[in-house]
Amino acid sequence: MAKKRDLKQTINYVCSDLFAEGVAASLYGTANNEEAVNNLLSSIIVTRNDFVKRVSHPEPGMTAHEYYRQLISDFNQRINEIIDQIGTLA
């Protein structure tokens, strides 16, 4: 298992890159839907906060290995959804 600190840094790095991509897509994209952009950017921030908190507080009853494997899987799934949303903005 990776260190919690490394996992948190990776989550921060990925979310900050996605936020930058979302801002770039809103500035240089063809669609001018400000509400959709604001919802997308706020969902990135909420996702980051949620997953960083989940790293610090594992669920009781699950082994650590199983919990963090599920956490990473959930994070990857959520990031893929956000990437698809960014693609629709551009």
Protein backbone atom coordinates (compact mmCIF):
# COMPACT_ATOMS: atom_id res chain seq x y z
CA MET A 1 0.00 0.00 0.00
CA ALA A 2 1.21 3.47 -0.79
CA LYS A 3 1.73 5.94 1.98
CA LYS A 4 -1.27 8.09 2.86
CA ARG A 5 0.78 11.19 2.20
CA ASP A 6 1.67 10.03 -1.32
CA LEU A 7 -1.95 9.16 -2.02
CA LYS A 8 -3.12 12.59 -0.87
CA GLN A 9 -0.47 14.30 -3.00
CA THR A 10 -1.55 12.31 -6.05
CA ILE A 11 -5.20 13.24 -5.48
CA ASN A 12 -4.24 16.91 -5.13
CA TYR A 13 -2.09 16.78 -8.26
CA VAL A 14 -4.76 15.13 -10.41
CA CYS A 15 -7.51 17.45 -9.19
CA SER A 16 -5.43 20.57 -9.72
CA ASP A 17 -4.64 19.48 -13.29
CA LEU A 18 -8.31 18.78 -13.94
CA PHE A 19 -9.24 22.18 -12.54
CA ALA A 20 -6.75 23.86 -14.88
CA GLU A 21 -8.11 21.86 -17.83
CA GLY A 22 -11.65 22.87 -16.89
CA VAL A 23 -10.70 26.54 -16.77
CA ALA A 24 -8.89 26.26 -20.10
CA ALA A 25 -11.87 24.50 -21.70
CA SER A 26 -14.19 27.21 -20.44
CA LEU A 27 -11.97 29.99 -21.77
CA TYR A 28 -11.09 28.49 -25.13
CA GLY A 29 -14.08 26.23 -25.78
CA THR A 30 -16.89 27.03 -28.17
CA ALA A 31 -19.75 26.66 -25.69
CA ASN A 32 -20.38 29.58 -23.33
CA ASN A 33 -22.39 27.86 -20.61
CA GLU A 34 -21.13 29.53 -17.43
CA GLU A 35 -23.38 27.52 -15.13
CA ALA A 36 -22.06 24.20 -16.46
CA VAL A 37 -18.47 25.40 -16.02
CA ASN A 38 -19.14 26.50 -12.44
CA ASN A 39 -20.79 23.16 -11.65
CA LEU A 40 -17.86 21.29 -13.15
CA LEU A 41 -15.24 23.26 -11.23
CA SER A 42 -17.14 22.94 -7.96
CA SER A 43 -17.51 19.18 -8.49
CA ILE A 44 -13.73 18.91 -8.92
CA ILE A 45 -13.20 20.72 -5.61
CA VAL A 46 -15.80 18.57 -3.85
CA THR A 47 -14.23 15.42 -5.28
CA ARG A 48 -10.80 16.47 -4.06
CA ASN A 49 -12.05 17.24 -0.55
CA ASP A 50 -14.06 14.02 -0.36
CA PHE A 51 -11.24 11.73 -1.39
CA VAL A 52 -8.59 13.40 0.76
CA LYS A 53 -10.89 12.98 3.76
CA ARG A 54 -11.53 9.35 2.82
CA VAL A 55 -7.78 8.67 2.82
CA SER A 56 -7.49 9.88 6.41
CA HIS A 57 -10.52 8.03 7.76
CA PRO A 58 -10.84 4.43 6.54
CA GLU A 59 -14.10 2.60 7.02
CA PRO A 60 -14.19 0.18 9.95
CA GLY A 61 -14.71 -3.48 9.12
CA MET A 62 -12.62 -3.47 5.93
CA THR A 63 -8.99 -4.41 5.67
CA ALA A 64 -6.70 -1.52 4.82
CA HIS A 65 -5.62 -3.09 1.54
CA GLU A 66 -9.20 -3.66 0.43
CA TYR A 67 -10.30 -0.19 1.52
CA TYR A 68 -7.57 1.67 -0.34
CA ARG A 69 -8.01 -0.47 -3.44
CA GLN A 70 -11.71 0.48 -3.46
CA LEU A 71 -10.83 4.13 -2.79
CA ILE A 72 -8.48 4.27 -5.76
CA SER A 73 -11.05 2.55 -7.97
CA ASP A 74 -13.75 5.03 -6.94
CA PHE A 75 -11.38 7.95 -7.52
CA ASN A 76 -10.45 6.75 -11.00
CA GLN A 77 -14.11 6.29 -11.90
CA ARG A 78 -15.01 9.80 -10.69
CA ILE A 79 -12.06 11.34 -12.52
CA ASN A 80 -13.12 9.63 -15.76
CA GLU A 81 -16.59 11.14 -15.37
CA ILE A 82 -15.09 14.60 -14.86
CA ILE A 83 -12.86 14.15 -17.92
CA ASP A 84 -15.94 13.32 -19.99
CA GLN A 85 -17.63 16.49 -18.72
CA ILE A 86 -14.60 18.57 -19.66
CA GLY A 87 -14.71 17.02 -23.12
CA THR A 88 -18.27 18.20 -23.60
CA LEU A 89 -17.27 21.78 -22.70
CA ALA A 90 -14.59 22.02 -25.35
